[in-house]
PDB file of N, CA and C in Angstrom:
ATOM      1  N   UNK A   1       1.226  -0.918   0.231  1.00  0.00           N
ATOM      2  CA  UNK A   1       0.532  -0.159  -0.437  1.00  0.00           C
ATOM      3  C   UNK A   1       0.804   1.053   0.563  1.00  0.00           C
ATOM      4  N   UNK A   2       0.494   2.082  -0.668  1.00  0.00           N
ATOM      5  CA  UNK A   2       0.978   3.088  -0.668  1.00  0.00           C
ATOM      6  C   UNK A   2       0.630   4.808  -0.470  1.00  0.00           C
ATOM      7  N   UNK A   3       0.874   5.554   0.587  1.00  0.00           N
ATOM      8  CA  UNK A   3       0.264   6.816   0.756  1.00  0.00           C
ATOM      9  C   UNK A   3       0.865   8.216  -0.220  1.00  0.00           C
ATOM     10  N   UNK A   4      -0.265   8.890  -0.455  1.00  0.00           N
ATOM     11  CA  UNK A   4       0.258  10.032  -0.792  1.00  0.00           C
ATOM     12  C   UNK A   4      -0.257  11.012  -1.261  1.00  0.00           C
ATOM     13  N   UNK A   5       0.684  12.205  -0.198  1.00  0.00           N
ATOM     14  CA  UNK A   5      -0.183  13.549   0.279  1.00  0.00           C
ATOM     15  C   UNK A   5       0.474  14.247  -0.512  1.00  0.00           C
ATOM     16  N   UNK A   6       0.232  15.546  -1.093  1.00  0.00           N
ATOM     17  CA  UNK A   6       0.782  16.635  -1.349  1.00  0.00           C
ATOM     18  C   UNK A   6       1.121  16.103  -3.131  1.00  0.00           C
ATOM     19  N   UNK A   7       2.151  17.634  -3.468  1.00  0.00           N
ATOM     20  CA  UNK A   7       2.602  16.914  -5.141  1.00  0.00           C
ATOM     21  C   UNK A   7       3.928  16.341  -4.990  1.00  0.00           C
ATOM     22  N   UNK A   8       4.531  15.362  -4.095  1.00  0.00           N
ATOM     23  CA  UNK A   8       5.755  14.858  -4.281  1.00  0.00           C
ATOM     24  C   UNK A   8       5.804  13.948  -2.713  1.00  0.00           C
ATOM     25  N   UNK A   9       6.981  13.311  -3.491  1.00  0.00           N
ATOM     26  CA  UNK A   9       7.755  12.709  -1.881  1.00  0.00           C
ATOM     27  C   UNK A   9       7.712  13.476  -0.526  1.00  0.00           C
ATOM     28  N   UNK A  10       8.244  14.750  -0.738  1.00  0.00           N
ATOM     29  CA  UNK A  10       8.909  15.432   0.480  1.00  0.00           C
ATOM     30  C   UNK A  10       7.340  16.239   1.192  1.00  0.00           C
ATOM     31  N   UNK A  11       6.910  16.301   0.120  1.00  0.00           N
ATOM     32  CA  UNK A  11       5.494  17.123   0.980  1.00  0.00           C
ATOM     33  C   UNK A  11       4.399  15.856   1.582  1.00  0.00           C
ATOM     34  N   UNK A  12       4.370  14.785   1.217  1.00  0.00           N
ATOM     35  CA  UNK A  12       4.250  13.676   1.877  1.00  0.00           C
ATOM     36  C   UNK A  12       4.603  13.224   3.036  1.00  0.00           C
ATOM     37  N   UNK A  13       6.189  13.045   3.142  1.00  0.00           N
ATOM     38  CA  UNK A  13       6.094  12.705   4.827  1.00  0.00           C
ATOM     39  C   UNK A  13       6.220  14.419   5.306  1.00  0.00           C
ATOM     40  N   UNK A  14       6.402  15.343   5.083  1.00  0.00           N
ATOM     41  CA  UNK A  14       5.351  16.133   6.181  1.00  0.00           C
ATOM     42  C   UNK A  14       4.712  16.312   6.964  1.00  0.00           C
ATOM     43  N   UNK A  15       3.492  15.379   5.619  1.00  0.00           N
ATOM     44  CA  UNK A  15       2.119  15.390   6.406  1.00  0.00           C
ATOM     45  C   UNK A  15       2.316  14.311   7.012  1.00  0.00           C
ATOM     46  N   UNK A  16       2.898  13.289   6.868  1.00  0.00           N
ATOM     47  CA  UNK A  16       2.817  12.146   7.689  1.00  0.00           C
ATOM     48  C   UNK A  16       3.708  12.695   9.057  1.00  0.00           C
ATOM     49  N   UNK A  17       4.513  13.706   9.260  1.00  0.00           N
ATOM     50  CA  UNK A  17       5.495  14.304  10.301  1.00  0.00           C
ATOM     51  C   UNK A  17       4.276  14.517  11.145  1.00  0.00           C
ATOM     52  N   UNK A  18       3.719  15.820  10.634  1.00  0.00           N
ATOM     53  CA  UNK A  18       1.976  16.041  10.942  1.00  0.00           C
ATOM     54  C   UNK A  18       1.276  15.480  11.713  1.00  0.00           C
ATOM     55  N   UNK A  19       1.074  13.904  10.548  1.00  0.00           N
ATOM     56  CA  UNK A  19       0.512  13.312  11.086  1.00  0.00           C
ATOM     57  C   UNK A  19       0.840  12.520  12.867  1.00  0.00           C
ATOM     58  N   UNK A  20       1.956  12.084  12.466  1.00  0.00           N
ATOM     59  CA  UNK A  20       2.667  11.794  13.739  1.00  0.00           C
ATOM     60  C   UNK A  20       2.694  12.589  15.009  1.00  0.00           C
ATOM     61  N   UNK A  21       2.785  13.944  14.753  1.00  0.00           N
ATOM     62  CA  UNK A  21       2.552  15.344  15.960  1.00  0.00           C
ATOM     63  C   UNK A  21       1.202  15.171  16.849  1.00  0.00           C
ATOM     64  N   UNK A  22       0.755  15.205  16.015  1.00  0.00           N
ATOM     65  CA  UNK A  22      -1.180  15.083  15.858  1.00  0.00           C
ATOM     66  C   UNK A  22      -1.033  13.860  16.990  1.00  0.00           C
ATOM     67  N   UNK A  23      -0.737  12.235  16.937  1.00  0.00           N
ATOM     68  CA  UNK A  23      -0.537  11.656  17.221  1.00  0.00           C
ATOM     69  C   UNK A  23       0.143  11.512  19.260  1.00  0.00           C
ATOM     70  N   UNK A  24       1.265  12.366  19.126  1.00  0.00           N
ATOM     71  CA  UNK A  24       1.593  12.729  20.266  1.00  0.00           C
ATOM     72  C   UNK A  24       1.635  13.520  20.942  1.00  0.00           C
ATOM     73  N   UNK A  25      -0.297  14.564  20.339  1.00  0.00           N
ATOM     74  CA  UNK A  25       0.045  15.752  21.008  1.00  0.00           C
ATOM     75  C   UNK A  25      -1.564  15.075  21.688  1.00  0.00           C
ATOM     76  N   UNK A  26      -2.983  14.402  20.934  1.00  0.00           N
ATOM     77  CA  UNK A  26      -3.771  13.556  21.164  1.00  0.00           C
ATOM     78  C   UNK A  26      -3.358  12.505  22.378  1.00  0.00           C
ATOM     79  N   UNK A  27      -2.131  11.908  22.240  1.00  0.00           N
ATOM     80  CA  UNK A  27      -2.176  10.840  23.868  1.00  0.00           C
ATOM     81  C   UNK A  27      -1.874  11.877  24.314  1.00  0.00           C
ATOM     82  N   UNK A  28      -0.897  13.155  24.241  1.00  0.00           N
ATOM     83  CA  UNK A  28      -0.257  13.932  26.218  1.00  0.00           C
ATOM     84  C   UNK A  28      -1.456  14.625  26.902  1.00  0.00           C
ATOM     85  N   UNK A  29      -2.277  14.942  26.036  1.00  0.00           N
ATOM     86  CA  UNK A  29      -3.901  16.602  26.439  1.00  0.00           C
ATOM     87  C   UNK A  29      -4.828  15.603  26.429  1.00  0.00           C
ATOM     88  N   UNK A  30      -5.060  13.830  26.070  1.00  0.00           N
ATOM     89  CA  UNK A  30      -6.086  12.724  26.101  1.00  0.00           C
ATOM     90  C   UNK A  30      -6.890  13.791  25.141  1.00  0.00           C
ATOM     91  N   UNK A  31      -6.923  14.374  24.013  1.00  0.00           N
ATOM     92  CA  UNK A  31      -7.966  14.707  23.031  1.00  0.00           C
ATOM     93  C   UNK A  31      -7.688  13.763  21.752  1.00  0.00           C
ATOM     94  N   UNK A  32      -9.012  13.781  21.199  1.00  0.00           N
ATOM     95  CA  UNK A  32      -9.349  12.881  19.643  1.00  0.00           C
ATOM     96  C   UNK A  32      -8.428  13.949  18.598  1.00  0.00           C
ATOM     97  N   UNK A  33      -8.721  13.288  17.801  1.00  0.00           N
ATOM     98  CA  UNK A  33      -7.965  13.981  16.505  1.00  0.00           C
ATOM     99  C   UNK A  33      -8.312  14.757  16.192  1.00  0.00           C
ATOM    100  N   UNK A  34      -9.201  14.699  16.080  1.00  0.00           N
ATOM    101  CA  UNK A  34     -10.423  15.865  15.104  1.00  0.00           C
ATOM    102  C   UNK A  34     -10.667  16.900  16.306  1.00  0.00           C
ATOM    103  N   UNK A  35     -10.284  16.897  17.629  1.00  0.00           N
ATOM    104  CA  UNK A  35     -10.136  18.362  18.284  1.00  0.00           C
ATOM    105  C   UNK A  35      -8.764  19.315  17.950  1.00  0.00           C
ATOM    106  N   UNK A  36      -8.137  18.699  17.531  1.00  0.00           N
ATOM    107  CA  UNK A  36      -6.221  19.871  17.365  1.00  0.00           C
ATOM    108  C   UNK A  36      -6.596  20.723  16.219  1.00  0.00           C
ATOM    109  N   UNK A  37      -6.462  21.274  16.563  1.00  0.00           N
ATOM    110  CA  UNK A  37      -5.668  22.588  15.756  1.00  0.00           C
ATOM    111  C   UNK A  37      -4.867  23.673  16.076  1.00  0.00           C
ATOM    112  N   UNK A  38      -4.015  23.205  14.905  1.00  0.00           N
ATOM    113  CA  UNK A  38      -3.039  24.636  14.735  1.00  0.00           C
ATOM    114  C   UNK A  38      -3.047  25.667  15.634  1.00  0.00           C
ATOM    115  N   UNK A  39      -3.583  25.975  15.478  1.00  0.00           N
ATOM    116  CA  UNK A  39      -3.225  27.472  16.434  1.00  0.00           C
ATOM    117  C   UNK A  39      -4.132  27.488  17.988  1.00  0.00           C
ATOM    118  N   UNK A  40      -4.223  25.870  18.790  1.00  0.00           N
ATOM    119  CA  UNK A  40      -4.561  25.829  19.934  1.00  0.00           C
ATOM    120  C   UNK A  40      -3.387  26.154  20.670  1.00  0.00           C
ATOM    121  N   UNK A  41      -3.206  26.847  21.692  1.00  0.00           N
ATOM    122  CA  UNK A  41      -1.601  27.383  22.913  1.00  0.00           C
ATOM    123  C   UNK A  41      -1.444  25.896  24.002  1.00  0.00           C
ATOM    124  N   UNK A  42      -0.698  25.708  23.775  1.00  0.00           N
ATOM    125  CA  UNK A  42       0.223  24.793  25.255  1.00  0.00           C
ATOM    126  C   UNK A  42      -0.402  25.402  26.250  1.00  0.00           C
ATOM    127  N   UNK A  43       0.100  27.007  26.524  1.00  0.00           N
ATOM    128  CA  UNK A  43      -0.039  27.058  28.300  1.00  0.00           C
ATOM    129  C   UNK A  43      -2.049  27.118  28.762  1.00  0.00           C
ATOM    130  N   UNK A  44      -2.529  28.644  27.240  1.00  0.00           N
ATOM    131  CA  UNK A  44      -3.758  29.029  27.990  1.00  0.00           C
ATOM    132  C   UNK A  44      -5.440  27.384  27.623  1.00  0.00           C
ATOM    133  N   UNK A  45      -4.621  27.513  26.015  1.00  0.00           N
ATOM    134  CA  UNK A  45      -5.387  26.309  25.166  1.00  0.00           C
ATOM    135  C   UNK A  45      -5.572  24.619  26.455  1.00  0.00           C
ATOM    136  N   UNK A  46      -4.342  24.174  26.289  1.00  0.00           N
ATOM    137  CA  UNK A  46      -4.545  23.129  26.328  1.00  0.00           C
ATOM    138  C   UNK A  46      -3.955  22.691  27.905  1.00  0.00           C
ATOM    139  N   UNK A  47      -3.988  23.539  28.650  1.00  0.00           N
ATOM    140  CA  UNK A  47      -3.512  24.210  30.241  1.00  0.00           C
ATOM    141  C   UNK A  47      -1.836  23.297  30.425  1.00  0.00           C
ATOM    142  N   UNK A  48      -1.038  23.129  29.614  1.00  0.00           N
ATOM    143  CA  UNK A  48       0.193  21.884  29.997  1.00  0.00           C
ATOM    144  C   UNK A  48       0.568  22.441  31.373  1.00  0.00           C
ATOM    145  N   UNK A  49       0.429  21.335  31.804  1.00  0.00           N
ATOM    146  CA  UNK A  49       0.888  20.990  32.934  1.00  0.00           C
ATOM    147  C   UNK A  49       2.519  20.832  32.764  1.00  0.00           C
ATOM    148  N   UNK A  50       3.390  20.821  34.117  1.00  0.00           N
ATOM    149  CA  UNK A  50       5.446  20.514  33.778  1.00  0.00           C
ATOM    150  C   UNK A  50       5.553  18.285  33.665  1.00  0.00           C
ATOM    151  N   UNK A  51       4.916  17.730  34.114  1.00  0.00           N
ATOM    152  CA  UNK A  51       4.700  16.748  33.149  1.00  0.00           C
ATOM    153  C   UNK A  51       4.163  16.026  32.119  1.00  0.00           C
ATOM    154  N   UNK A  52       3.151  17.156  31.378  1.00  0.00           N
ATOM    155  CA  UNK A  52       2.947  16.759  29.840  1.00  0.00           C
ATOM    156  C   UNK A  52       4.211  17.472  29.274  1.00  0.00           C
ATOM    157  N   UNK A  53       4.832  19.227  29.943  1.00  0.00           N
ATOM    158  CA  UNK A  53       5.564  19.732  28.820  1.00  0.00           C
ATOM    159  C   UNK A  53       6.799  18.433  28.483  1.00  0.00           C
ATOM    160  N   UNK A  54       7.396  17.476  29.680  1.00  0.00           N
ATOM    161  CA  UNK A  54       8.557  16.861  29.946  1.00  0.00           C
ATOM    162  C   UNK A  54       7.693  16.191  28.875  1.00  0.00           C
ATOM    163  N   UNK A  55       6.664  15.077  28.784  1.00  0.00           N
ATOM    164  CA  UNK A  55       6.617  13.988  28.165  1.00  0.00           C
ATOM    165  C   UNK A  55       6.083  14.176  26.717  1.00  0.00           C
ATOM    166  N   UNK A  56       6.024  15.564  26.347  1.00  0.00           N
ATOM    167  CA  UNK A  56       5.721  16.205  25.060  1.00  0.00           C
ATOM    168  C   UNK A  56       7.004  16.273  24.182  1.00  0.00           C
ATOM    169  N   UNK A  57       8.404  16.502  25.166  1.00  0.00           N
ATOM    170  CA  UNK A  57       9.725  17.385  24.652  1.00  0.00           C
ATOM    171  C   UNK A  57       9.886  15.356  24.875  1.00  0.00           C
ATOM    172  N   UNK A  58      10.184  14.748  25.617  1.00  0.00           N
ATOM    173  CA  UNK A  58      10.283  13.341  25.325  1.00  0.00           C
ATOM    174  C   UNK A  58       9.897  12.694  24.358  1.00  0.00           C
ATOM    175  N   UNK A  59       9.537  12.610  24.283  1.00  0.00           N
ATOM    176  CA  UNK A  59       8.186  11.712  22.769  1.00  0.00           C
ATOM    177  C   UNK A  59       8.656  12.584  21.707  1.00  0.00           C
ATOM    178  N   UNK A  60       8.311  13.755  21.696  1.00  0.00           N
ATOM    179  CA  UNK A  60       8.875  14.055  20.288  1.00  0.00           C
ATOM    180  C   UNK A  60      10.775  13.691  20.376  1.00  0.00           C
ATOM    181  N   UNK A  61      11.391  13.973  20.919  1.00  0.00           N
ATOM    182  CA  UNK A  61      12.934  13.480  20.444  1.00  0.00           C
ATOM    183  C   UNK A  61      12.889  11.356  20.602  1.00  0.00           C
ATOM    184  N   UNK A  62      11.929  11.134  21.098  1.00  0.00           N
ATOM    185  CA  UNK A  62      12.116   9.547  20.273  1.00  0.00           C
ATOM    186  C   UNK A  62      11.790   9.521  19.149  1.00  0.00           C
ATOM    187  N   UNK A  63      10.849  10.433  18.727  1.00  0.00           N
ATOM    188  CA  UNK A  63      10.063  10.104  17.407  1.00  0.00           C
ATOM    189  C   UNK A  63      11.146  10.058  16.207  1.00  0.00           C
ATOM    190  N   UNK A  64      11.239  12.302  16.815  1.00  0.00           N
ATOM    191  CA  UNK A  64      12.125  12.971  15.814  1.00  0.00           C
ATOM    192  C   UNK A  64      13.822  12.729  16.293  1.00  0.00           C
ATOM    193  N   UNK A  65      14.914  12.219  15.795  1.00  0.00           N
ATOM    194  CA  UNK A  65      16.161  11.701  15.864  1.00  0.00           C
ATOM    195  C   UNK A  65      16.717  12.911  16.648  1.00  0.00           C
ATOM    196  N   UNK A  66      16.194  12.711  18.173  1.00  0.00           N
ATOM    197  CA  UNK A  66      16.749  13.198  19.406  1.00  0.00           C
ATOM    198  C   UNK A  66      17.003  14.577  18.716  1.00  0.00           C
ATOM    199  N   UNK A  67      15.545  15.130  18.656  1.00  0.00           N
ATOM    200  CA  UNK A  67      15.113  17.036  18.547  1.00  0.00           C
ATOM    201  C   UNK A  67      14.957  17.080  19.548  1.00  0.00           C
ATOM    202  N   UNK A  68      15.576  18.019  20.098  1.00  0.00           N
ATOM    203  CA  UNK A  68      15.041  18.790  21.326  1.00  0.00           C
ATOM    204  C   UNK A  68      14.616  19.887  21.143  1.00  0.00           C
ATOM    205  N   UNK A  69      13.598  20.480  21.775  1.00  0.00           N
ATOM    206  CA  UNK A  69      12.123  21.468  20.707  1.00  0.00           C
ATOM    207  C   UNK A  69      12.453  22.047  22.241  1.00  0.00           C
ATOM    208  N   UNK A  70      12.555  23.283  22.365  1.00  0.00           N
ATOM    209  CA  UNK A  70      12.231  24.671  23.368  1.00  0.00           C
ATOM    210  C   UNK A  70      10.519  24.655  23.098  1.00  0.00           C
ATOM    211  N   UNK A  71       9.471  23.905  24.297  1.00  0.00           N
ATOM    212  CA  UNK A  71       9.087  24.441  23.679  1.00  0.00           C
ATOM    213  C   UNK A  71       7.667  25.819  24.696  1.00  0.00           C
ATOM    214  N   UNK A  72       8.931  26.510  24.898  1.00  0.00           N
ATOM    215  CA  UNK A  72       8.088  27.595  25.838  1.00  0.00           C
ATOM    216  C   UNK A  72       8.598  28.703  24.632  1.00  0.00           C
ATOM    217  N   UNK A  73       9.474  28.783  23.550  1.00  0.00           N
ATOM    218  CA  UNK A  73       9.582  28.947  22.169  1.00  0.00           C
ATOM    219  C   UNK A  73       8.635  28.964  20.424  1.00  0.00           C
ATOM    220  N   UNK A  74       7.794  27.880  21.320  1.00  0.00           N
ATOM    221  CA  UNK A  74       6.277  27.116  20.382  1.00  0.00           C
ATOM    222  C   UNK A  74       5.494  27.870  21.122  1.00  0.00           C
ATOM    223  N   UNK A  75       4.897  28.758  20.763  1.00  0.00           N
ATOM    224  CA  UNK A  75       3.246  28.816  21.934  1.00  0.00           C
ATOM    225  C   UNK A  75       2.114  28.124  20.835  1.00  0.00           C
ATOM    226  N   UNK A  76       2.079  27.620  20.103  1.00  0.00           N
ATOM    227  CA  UNK A  76       1.121  27.767  19.440  1.00  0.00           C
ATOM    228  C   UNK A  76       1.155  25.587  18.865  1.00  0.00           C
ATOM    229  N   UNK A  77       0.607  25.143  18.390  1.00  0.00           N
ATOM    230  CA  UNK A  77       1.104  24.042  17.651  1.00  0.00           C
ATOM    231  C   UNK A  77       1.484  23.799  16.591  1.00  0.00           C
ATOM    232  N   UNK A  78       0.843  24.804  15.548  1.00  0.00           N
ATOM    233  CA  UNK A  78       1.651  25.079  14.422  1.00  0.00           C
ATOM    234  C   UNK A  78       2.920  25.496  14.157  1.00  0.00           C
ATOM    235  N   UNK A  79       3.544  25.915  15.490  1.00  0.00           N
ATOM    236  CA  UNK A  79       4.604  26.872  15.426  1.00  0.00           C
ATOM    237  C   UNK A  79       5.562  25.490  15.699  1.00  0.00           C
ATOM    238  N   UNK A  80       5.039  24.611  16.507  1.00  0.00           N
ATOM    239  CA  UNK A  80       5.980  23.372  17.069  1.00  0.00           C
ATOM    240  C   UNK A  80       5.642  22.388  15.986  1.00  0.00           C
ATOM    241  N   UNK A  81       4.812  22.058  14.699  1.00  0.00           N
ATOM    242  CA  UNK A  81       4.320  20.934  13.817  1.00  0.00           C
ATOM    243  C   UNK A  81       5.885  22.182  12.705  1.00  0.00           C
ATOM    244  N   UNK A  82       5.868  23.617  12.693  1.00  0.00           N
ATOM    245  CA  UNK A  82       7.282  23.907  12.018  1.00  0.00           C
ATOM    246  C   UNK A  82       8.277  24.042  12.317  1.00  0.00           C
ATOM    247  N   UNK A  83       8.802  24.278  13.596  1.00  0.00           N
ATOM    248  CA  UNK A  83       9.960  23.365  14.269  1.00  0.00           C
ATOM    249  C   UNK A  83      10.248  22.022  13.489  1.00  0.00           C
ATOM    250  N   UNK A  84       9.279  20.936  14.340  1.00  0.00           N
ATOM    251  CA  UNK A  84       9.665  19.311  14.309  1.00  0.00           C
ATOM    252  C   UNK A  84      10.100  19.841  12.397  1.00  0.00           C
ATOM    253  N   UNK A  85       9.302  20.105  11.530  1.00  0.00           N
ATOM    254  CA  UNK A  85       8.847  19.099  10.252  1.00  0.00           C
ATOM    255  C   UNK A  85      10.209  20.292   9.490  1.00  0.00           C
ATOM    256  N   UNK A  86      10.715  21.407   9.871  1.00  0.00           N
ATOM    257  CA  UNK A  86      11.468  22.503   9.661  1.00  0.00           C
ATOM    258  C   UNK A  86      13.470  21.882  10.175  1.00  0.00           C
ATOM    259  N   UNK A  87      13.415  21.305  10.942  1.00  0.00           N
ATOM    260  CA  UNK A  87      14.621  20.751  11.362  1.00  0.00           C
ATOM    261  C   UNK A  87      14.894  19.008  10.888  1.00  0.00           C
ATOM    262  N   UNK A  88      13.683  18.537  10.667  1.00  0.00           N
ATOM    263  CA  UNK A  88      13.291  16.939  10.068  1.00  0.00           C
ATOM    264  C   UNK A  88      14.845  17.679   8.347  1.00  0.00           C
ATOM    265  N   UNK A  89      14.388  18.751   7.653  1.00  0.00           N
ATOM    266  CA  UNK A  89      14.752  19.138   6.292  1.00  0.00           C
ATOM    267  C   UNK A  89      15.387  20.080   6.151  1.00  0.00           C
ATOM    268  N   UNK A  90      16.217  20.526   7.210  1.00  0.00           N
ATOM    269  CA  UNK A  90      16.910  21.820   7.472  1.00  0.00           C
ATOM    270  C   UNK A  90      18.350  21.684   6.464  1.00  0.00           C
ATOM    271  N   UNK A  91      18.273  20.629   5.582  1.00  0.00           N
ATOM    272  CA  UNK A  91      19.190  19.933   4.897  1.00  0.00           C
ATOM    273  C   UNK A  91      19.721  20.723   3.666  1.00  0.00           C
ATOM    274  N   UNK A  92      18.008  20.483   3.270  1.00  0.00           N
ATOM    275  CA  UNK A  92      17.322  20.342   2.208  1.00  0.00           C
ATOM    276  C   UNK A  92      17.216  21.148   1.517  1.00  0.00           C
ATOM    277  N   UNK A  93      17.378  21.307  -0.094  1.00  0.00           N
ATOM    278  CA  UNK A  93      17.188  22.397  -0.277  1.00  0.00           C
ATOM    279  C   UNK A  93      15.689  23.217  -1.359  1.00  0.00           C
TER     280      UNK A  93
END
């Protein structure tokens, strides 16, 4: 089975990474996937606790090549998605 999202392989990989991040967010914050919106803010909308912050940082590192994300610099989900996806593709033109 082959999955394709977007116009090329890179778009497909980015979409799959976003889906993975959505699953991580849903799991840590006990959300349904359809409740996840890019504009949700970690502290204001999701009331992120210190334990959830630690879990989110550690899970992202586990899934994405030990990537360490500064959650306090990514105020909403969209910013987090951009940081993760862009960091994974930073060496591509």
